[in-house]
Amino acid sequence: MIFFGPDGERQPERDVRERQAKAICASCPVRVDCLNYAVARPEKYGTWGGLNEDERSAERRRRMRRANAA
């Protein structure tokens, strides 16, 4: 599966898989909706809206800081 890695996946394979998933996300018409869904839940695993787990976590923190500043 391209959007979710298998158990025991090694970093080099993960990097390749995530690049492939992000390439699909880049042209997806619902990418922003997908990302918003994943950040709001929060979805802990996989590639959603073109971001991996760590990137979504950073995006979630960024959105929280922005909301708190408003």
N, C-alpha and C. Protein backbone atom coordinates (compact mmCIF):
# COMPACT_ATOMS: atom_id res chain seq x y z
N MET A 1 0.86 -1.18 0.00
CA MET A 1 0.00 0.00 0.00
C MET A 1 0.90 1.23 0.00
N ILE A 2 0.55 2.19 -0.79
CA ILE A 2 1.44 3.33 -0.98
C ILE A 2 1.27 4.42 0.08
N PHE A 3 0.08 4.58 0.63
CA PHE A 3 -0.16 5.66 1.59
C PHE A 3 0.12 5.26 3.03
N PHE A 4 0.23 3.96 3.28
CA PHE A 4 0.51 3.44 4.62
C PHE A 4 1.59 2.38 4.51
N GLY A 5 2.62 2.50 5.32
CA GLY A 5 3.73 1.55 5.26
C GLY A 5 3.44 0.27 6.00
N PRO A 6 4.08 -0.80 5.56
CA PRO A 6 3.92 -2.08 6.25
C PRO A 6 4.72 -2.09 7.56
N ASP A 7 4.35 -2.98 8.44
CA ASP A 7 5.12 -3.16 9.68
C ASP A 7 6.55 -3.53 9.33
N GLY A 8 7.50 -2.96 10.04
CA GLY A 8 8.89 -3.27 9.84
C GLY A 8 9.52 -2.59 8.63
N GLU A 9 8.85 -1.63 8.06
CA GLU A 9 9.38 -0.93 6.89
C GLU A 9 10.65 -0.17 7.28
N ARG A 10 11.67 -0.30 6.46
CA ARG A 10 12.93 0.39 6.71
C ARG A 10 12.89 1.79 6.12
N GLN A 11 13.72 2.66 6.65
CA GLN A 11 13.71 4.07 6.25
C GLN A 11 13.90 4.29 4.74
N PRO A 12 14.85 3.61 4.10
CA PRO A 12 15.00 3.85 2.65
C PRO A 12 13.73 3.51 1.86
N GLU A 13 13.09 2.40 2.23
CA GLU A 13 11.84 2.02 1.55
C GLU A 13 10.73 3.01 1.89
N ARG A 14 10.72 3.46 3.13
CA ARG A 14 9.70 4.43 3.54
C ARG A 14 9.85 5.73 2.75
N ASP A 15 11.08 6.18 2.59
CA ASP A 15 11.33 7.42 1.84
C ASP A 15 10.80 7.31 0.41
N VAL A 16 11.06 6.19 -0.23
CA VAL A 16 10.59 5.97 -1.60
C VAL A 16 9.06 5.95 -1.64
N ARG A 17 8.46 5.18 -0.73
CA ARG A 17 7.00 5.07 -0.69
C ARG A 17 6.35 6.42 -0.45
N GLU A 18 6.89 7.19 0.50
CA GLU A 18 6.31 8.51 0.80
C GLU A 18 6.44 9.47 -0.38
N ARG A 19 7.56 9.42 -1.08
CA ARG A 19 7.71 10.27 -2.28
C ARG A 19 6.65 9.91 -3.33
N GLN A 20 6.41 8.63 -3.50
CA GLN A 20 5.39 8.19 -4.47
C GLN A 20 4.00 8.65 -4.03
N ALA A 21 3.70 8.50 -2.76
CA ALA A 21 2.39 8.92 -2.25
C ALA A 21 2.21 10.42 -2.39
N LYS A 22 3.25 11.17 -2.06
CA LYS A 22 3.17 12.63 -2.15
C LYS A 22 3.02 13.09 -3.59
N ALA A 23 3.60 12.36 -4.54
CA ALA A 23 3.44 12.69 -5.96
C ALA A 23 1.98 12.54 -6.38
N ILE A 24 1.33 11.51 -5.87
CA ILE A 24 -0.10 11.32 -6.15
C ILE A 24 -0.90 12.44 -5.50
N CYS A 25 -0.59 12.76 -4.27
CA CYS A 25 -1.31 13.81 -3.55
C CYS A 25 -1.17 15.17 -4.25
N ALA A 26 -0.04 15.43 -4.85
CA ALA A 26 0.23 16.73 -5.46
C ALA A 26 -0.79 17.09 -6.53
N SER A 27 -1.33 16.09 -7.21
CA SER A 27 -2.30 16.38 -8.27
C SER A 27 -3.73 16.02 -7.88
N CYS A 28 -3.95 15.68 -6.63
CA CYS A 28 -5.28 15.27 -6.18
C CYS A 28 -6.16 16.49 -5.94
N PRO A 29 -7.38 16.48 -6.48
CA PRO A 29 -8.27 17.64 -6.31
C PRO A 29 -8.80 17.81 -4.89
N VAL A 30 -8.70 16.81 -4.04
CA VAL A 30 -9.19 16.93 -2.66
C VAL A 30 -8.05 16.93 -1.65
N ARG A 31 -6.84 17.24 -2.09
CA ARG A 31 -5.67 17.22 -1.21
C ARG A 31 -5.86 18.07 0.04
N VAL A 32 -6.35 19.29 -0.13
CA VAL A 32 -6.52 20.19 1.01
C VAL A 32 -7.57 19.64 1.97
N ASP A 33 -8.68 19.12 1.44
CA ASP A 33 -9.71 18.54 2.30
C ASP A 33 -9.17 17.33 3.05
N CYS A 34 -8.39 16.51 2.37
CA CYS A 34 -7.78 15.33 2.98
C CYS A 34 -6.85 15.74 4.12
N LEU A 35 -6.02 16.73 3.87
CA LEU A 35 -5.09 17.21 4.89
C LEU A 35 -5.86 17.79 6.08
N ASN A 36 -6.85 18.60 5.82
CA ASN A 36 -7.64 19.18 6.91
C ASN A 36 -8.30 18.10 7.75
N TYR A 37 -8.82 17.06 7.10
CA TYR A 37 -9.42 15.94 7.82
C TYR A 37 -8.39 15.28 8.73
N ALA A 38 -7.22 14.97 8.17
CA ALA A 38 -6.19 14.26 8.93
C ALA A 38 -5.65 15.08 10.09
N VAL A 39 -5.52 16.38 9.90
CA VAL A 39 -5.01 17.25 10.97
C VAL A 39 -6.06 17.40 12.07
N ALA A 40 -7.31 17.45 11.70
CA ALA A 40 -8.38 17.65 12.68
C ALA A 40 -8.66 16.40 13.52
N ARG A 41 -8.34 15.20 13.04
CA ARG A 41 -8.75 13.99 13.75
C ARG A 41 -7.97 13.68 15.01
N PRO A 42 -6.75 13.59 15.15
CA PRO A 42 -5.67 13.54 14.17
C PRO A 42 -5.39 12.11 13.71
N GLU A 43 -5.17 11.96 12.44
CA GLU A 43 -4.72 10.68 11.88
C GLU A 43 -3.25 10.51 12.22
N LYS A 44 -2.90 9.42 12.85
CA LYS A 44 -1.53 9.23 13.33
C LYS A 44 -0.62 8.55 12.32
N TYR A 45 -1.19 7.85 11.34
CA TYR A 45 -0.36 7.05 10.45
C TYR A 45 -0.65 7.37 8.99
N GLY A 46 0.35 7.18 8.16
CA GLY A 46 0.18 7.29 6.72
C GLY A 46 0.41 8.68 6.16
N THR A 47 0.26 8.75 4.85
CA THR A 47 0.38 10.01 4.13
C THR A 47 -1.03 10.50 3.84
N TRP A 48 -1.31 11.70 4.30
CA TRP A 48 -2.62 12.32 4.11
C TRP A 48 -2.40 13.73 3.59
N GLY A 49 -3.08 14.08 2.53
CA GLY A 49 -2.98 15.44 2.02
C GLY A 49 -1.57 15.85 1.66
N GLY A 50 -0.73 14.89 1.34
CA GLY A 50 0.63 15.19 0.94
C GLY A 50 1.62 15.33 2.08
N LEU A 51 1.20 15.03 3.30
CA LEU A 51 2.12 15.13 4.44
C LEU A 51 2.19 13.79 5.17
N ASN A 52 3.39 13.47 5.67
CA ASN A 52 3.55 12.26 6.47
C ASN A 52 3.22 12.57 7.94
N GLU A 53 3.43 11.60 8.80
CA GLU A 53 3.06 11.75 10.21
C GLU A 53 3.75 12.94 10.87
N ASP A 54 5.07 13.04 10.69
CA ASP A 54 5.83 14.13 11.33
C ASP A 54 5.43 15.49 10.76
N GLU A 55 5.22 15.55 9.47
CA GLU A 55 4.84 16.81 8.84
C GLU A 55 3.45 17.26 9.28
N ARG A 56 2.53 16.30 9.43
CA ARG A 56 1.19 16.65 9.93
C ARG A 56 1.23 17.12 11.37
N SER A 57 2.08 16.51 12.17
CA SER A 57 2.23 16.93 13.55
C SER A 57 2.72 18.38 13.61
N ALA A 58 3.70 18.70 12.78
CA ALA A 58 4.21 20.08 12.73
C ALA A 58 3.12 21.03 12.23
N GLU A 59 2.35 20.60 11.26
CA GLU A 59 1.25 21.43 10.74
C GLU A 59 0.19 21.66 11.81
N ARG A 60 -0.11 20.62 12.57
CA ARG A 60 -1.08 20.74 13.67
C ARG A 60 -0.60 21.77 14.69
N ARG A 61 0.67 21.71 15.06
CA ARG A 61 1.23 22.68 16.01
C ARG A 61 1.19 24.10 15.43
N ARG A 62 1.53 24.23 14.15
CA ARG A 62 1.50 25.54 13.50
C ARG A 62 0.10 26.12 13.52
N ARG A 63 -0.89 25.29 13.22
CA ARG A 63 -2.28 25.77 13.23
C ARG A 63 -2.73 26.17 14.63
N MET A 64 -2.28 25.41 15.63
CA MET A 64 -2.65 25.74 17.01
C MET A 64 -2.02 27.07 17.43
N ARG A 65 -0.76 27.29 17.08
CA ARG A 65 -0.11 28.56 17.41
C ARG A 65 -0.82 29.72 16.73
N ARG A 66 -1.19 29.52 15.47
CA ARG A 66 -1.87 30.58 14.74
C ARG A 66 -3.25 30.87 15.34
N ALA A 67 -3.96 29.83 15.75
CA ALA A 67 -5.28 30.01 16.36
C ALA A 67 -5.15 30.71 17.71
N ASN A 68 -4.14 30.37 18.48
CA ASN A 68 -3.94 30.99 19.78
C ASN A 68 -3.51 32.45 19.67
N ALA A 69 -2.84 32.78 18.59
CA ALA A 69 -2.39 34.16 18.39
C ALA A 69 -3.52 35.07 17.94
N ALA A 70 -4.55 34.47 17.39
CA ALA A 70 -5.68 35.29 16.85
C ALA A 70 -6.61 35.78 17.93
